[in-house]
C-alpha atoms as a PDB file:
ATOM      1  CA  MET A   1      83.937 271.325 206.036  1.00  0.00           C
ATOM      2  CA  LEU A   2      83.084 268.149 205.156  1.00  0.00           C
ATOM      3  CA  GLU A   3      84.966 268.803 201.829  1.00  0.00           C
ATOM      4  CA  PHE A   4      87.998 270.117 204.125  1.00  0.00           C
ATOM      5  CA  ALA A   5      88.196 266.892 206.011  1.00  0.00           C
ATOM      6  CA  GLY A   6      88.649 264.982 204.125  1.00  0.00           C
ATOM      7  CA  PHE A   7      91.133 267.341 201.625  1.00  0.00           C
ATOM      8  CA  LEU A   8      93.105 267.994 204.829  1.00  0.00           C
ATOM      9  CA  PRO A   9      95.474 264.163 205.137  1.00  0.00           C
ATOM     10  CA  PHE A  10      96.560 265.111 201.644  1.00  0.00           C
ATOM     11  CA  LEU A  11      97.740 268.663 202.459  1.00  0.00           C
ATOM     12  CA  LEU A  12      99.734 267.171 205.614  1.00  0.00           C
ATOM     13  CA  VAL A  13     101.570 264.473 202.982  1.00  0.00           C
ATOM     14  CA  ILE A  14     102.045 267.135 200.921  1.00  0.00           C
ATOM     15  CA  ALA A  15     103.282 269.803 203.339  1.00  0.00           C
ATOM     16  CA  MET A  16     105.812 266.689 205.267  1.00  0.00           C
ATOM     17  CA  ALA A  17     106.526 265.920 201.954  1.00  0.00           C
ATOM     18  CA  VAL A  18     108.110 269.831 200.945  1.00  0.00           C
ATOM     19  CA  ILE A  19     109.840 269.998 204.347  1.00  0.00           C
ATOM     20  CA  GLN A  20     111.458 266.428 203.865  1.00  0.00           C
ATOM     21  CA  LEU A  21     112.522 267.809 199.830  1.00  0.00           C
ATOM     22  CA  GLY A  22     113.863 270.896 202.590  1.00  0.00           C
ATOM     23  CA  LEU A  23     116.417 268.062 204.347  1.00  0.00           C
ATOM     24  CA  VAL A  24     117.485 266.917 201.386  1.00  0.00           C
ATOM     25  CA  GLY A  25     118.448 269.399 200.147  1.00  0.00           C
ATOM     26  CA  TYR A  26     120.293 271.335 203.510  1.00  0.00           C
ATOM     27  CA  GLY A  27     122.057 267.721 203.860  1.00  0.00           C
ATOM     28  CA  ALA A  28     123.054 267.720 200.805  1.00  0.00           C
ATOM     29  CA  ASN A  29     124.461 271.128 200.882  1.00  0.00           C
ATOM     30  CA  GLN A  30     125.930 270.704 203.796  1.00  0.00           C
ATOM     31  CA  ALA A  31     127.587 267.418 202.748  1.00  0.00           C
ATOM     32  CA  GLY A  32     128.537 269.000 200.236  1.00  0.00           C
ATOM     33  CA  SER A  33     130.067 271.727 202.303  1.00  0.00           C
ATOM     34  CA  ALA A  34     131.513 269.440 204.770  1.00  0.00           C
ATOM     35  CA  ALA A  35     134.228 267.365 202.112  1.00  0.00           C
ATOM     36  CA  ARG A  36     134.905 271.425 201.172  1.00  0.00           C
ATOM     37  CA  ALA A  37     136.514 271.536 204.291  1.00  0.00           C
ATOM     38  CA  GLY A  38     138.167 268.390 205.399  1.00  0.00           C
ATOM     39  CA  ALA A  39     139.828 268.503 201.364  1.00  0.00           C
ATOM     40  CA  ARG A  40     140.860 272.081 201.989  1.00  0.00           C
ATOM     41  CA  ALA A  41     142.101 271.731 206.307  1.00  0.00           C
ATOM     42  CA  GLU A  42     144.196 268.961 204.537  1.00  0.00           C
ATOM     43  CA  SER A  43     145.301 270.211 201.985  1.00  0.00           C
ATOM     44  CA  LEU A  44     147.013 272.279 204.228  1.00  0.00           C
ATOM     45  CA  ASN A  45     147.934 270.751 207.203  1.00  0.00           C
ATOM     46  CA  ALA A  46     147.755 266.386 207.026  1.00  0.00           C
ATOM     47  CA  GLY A  47     145.508 264.558 209.219  1.00  0.00           C
ATOM     48  CA  SER A  48     143.713 267.622 209.443  1.00  0.00           C
ATOM     49  CA  GLY A  49     141.031 267.241 206.997  1.00  0.00           C
ATOM     50  CA  PRO A  50     138.616 265.012 208.858  1.00  0.00           C
ATOM     51  CA  ALA A  51     137.422 266.606 211.933  1.00  0.00           C
ATOM     52  CA  ALA A  52     137.763 269.939 209.503  1.00  0.00           C
ATOM     53  CA  ALA A  53     134.430 268.327 208.048  1.00  0.00           C
ATOM     54  CA  THR A  54     133.094 266.917 210.715  1.00  0.00           C
ATOM     55  CA  ALA A  55     132.974 270.894 212.644  1.00  0.00           C
ATOM     56  CA  SER A  56     131.638 272.364 209.958  1.00  0.00           C
ATOM     57  CA  VAL A  57     128.255 270.019 209.598  1.00  0.00           C
ATOM     58  CA  SER A  58     125.356 270.023 212.206  1.00  0.00           C
ATOM     59  CA  GLY A  59     125.127 267.212 214.780  1.00  0.00           C
ATOM     60  CA  TRP A  60     122.115 266.204 214.014  1.00  0.00           C
ATOM     61  CA  LEU A  61     123.914 265.294 210.592  1.00  0.00           C
ATOM     62  CA  GLU A  62     125.734 262.931 211.475  1.00  0.00           C
ATOM     63  CA  PRO A  63     128.133 263.548 209.959  1.00  0.00           C
ATOM     64  CA  ALA A  64     131.174 260.765 209.128  1.00  0.00           C
ATOM     65  CA  PRO A  65     134.136 261.830 206.886  1.00  0.00           C
ATOM     66  CA  GLY A  66     136.268 258.887 204.732  1.00  0.00           C
ATOM     67  CA  ALA A  67     139.640 259.149 204.655  1.00  0.00           C
ATOM     68  CA  CYS A  68     140.875 262.533 202.864  1.00  0.00           C
ATOM     69  CA  GLY A  69     144.662 262.676 201.876  1.00  0.00           C
ATOM     70  CA  GLY A  70     146.234 262.032 197.860  1.00  0.00           C
ATOM     71  CA  ASP A  71     148.956 264.101 196.028  1.00  0.00           C
ATOM     72  CA  PRO A  72     148.630 265.906 193.970  1.00  0.00           C
ATOM     73  CA  LEU A  73     145.053 266.934 194.798  1.00  0.00           C
ATOM     74  CA  VAL A  74     143.453 265.680 197.837  1.00  0.00           C
ATOM     75  CA  THR A  75     139.513 264.409 198.276  1.00  0.00           C
ATOM     76  CA  CYS A  76     137.632 264.197 200.824  1.00  0.00           C
ATOM     77  CA  THR A  77     134.178 262.749 200.998  1.00  0.00           C
ATOM     78  CA  VAL A  78     131.475 262.878 203.489  1.00  0.00           C
ATOM     79  CA  THR A  79     128.144 260.692 204.366  1.00  0.00           C
ATOM     80  CA  VAL A  80     125.198 262.514 205.785  1.00  0.00           C
ATOM     81  CA  HIS A  81     122.340 260.733 207.543  1.00  0.00           C
ATOM     82  CA  VAL A  82     118.575 263.160 206.536  1.00  0.00           C
ATOM     83  CA  ARG A  83     116.583 261.627 208.960  1.00  0.00           C
ATOM     84  CA  ALA A  84     112.908 260.490 208.194  1.00  0.00           C
ATOM     85  CA  ILE A  85     110.109 263.057 208.959  1.00  0.00           C
ATOM     86  CA  ILE A  86     107.293 260.903 206.610  1.00  0.00           C
ATOM     87  CA  PRO A  87     107.137 257.369 208.594  1.00  0.00           C
ATOM     88  CA  LEU A  88     107.553 255.611 205.386  1.00  0.00           C
ATOM     89  CA  PHE A  89     111.193 256.668 204.344  1.00  0.00           C
ATOM     90  CA  ASP A  90     114.271 255.217 206.467  1.00  0.00           C
ATOM     91  CA  GLY A  91     116.207 258.846 205.474  1.00  0.00           C
ATOM     92  CA  TRP A  92     118.824 259.118 203.090  1.00  0.00           C
ATOM     93  CA  TYR A  93     122.506 259.136 202.934  1.00  0.00           C
ATOM     94  CA  ILE A  94     124.342 261.735 200.706  1.00  0.00           C
ATOM     95  CA  HIS A  95     127.676 261.930 200.104  1.00  0.00           C
ATOM     96  CA  ARG A  96     129.377 264.142 198.645  1.00  0.00           C
ATOM     97  CA  THR A  97     133.387 264.424 197.336  1.00  0.00           C
ATOM     98  CA  VAL A  98     135.860 267.665 196.360  1.00  0.00           C
ATOM     99  CA  THR A  99     138.796 267.192 195.409  1.00  0.00           C
ATOM    100  CA  MET A 100     141.512 270.110 195.721  1.00  0.00           C
ATOM    101  CA  PRO A 101     145.112 271.022 194.878  1.00  0.00           C
ATOM    102  CA  ASN A 102     147.772 269.148 196.980  1.00  0.00           C
ATOM    103  CA  ASP A 103     149.096 272.951 199.836  1.00  0.00           C
ATOM    104  CA  ARG A 104     151.654 271.286 200.944  1.00  0.00           C
ATOM    105  CA  THR A 105     152.888 269.989 197.775  1.00  0.00           C
ATOM    106  CA  THR A 106     152.208 273.517 195.223  1.00  0.00           C
ATOM    107  CA  LEU A 107     153.854 275.648 198.513  1.00  0.00           C
ATOM    108  CA  GLY A 108     157.058 273.157 199.302  1.00  0.00           C
ATOM    109  CA  SER A 109     156.689 272.583 202.852  1.00  0.00           C
END
């Protein structure tokens, strides 16, 4: 019983680290999806990229899309903030950028 009580804090720290890594991975996935959604929306309708990027991310990640635009390629950057569950850290900001063809130019509209 004493050995388990001594080892328990290490197990809890390892479990929290695994959960934190999962949250960071989820944040990176969400940032990439938001950047892709923003670039796609911007390529179809000028000015709609940041709103589409924000709408496609979980709110607790506090998405901050940058300016989306460009011609003939549309680039959209999104930053999300993943909060730390381990008190020693402040959290992480994850940036993702996506570039895709501008469909407004391609379609001639």
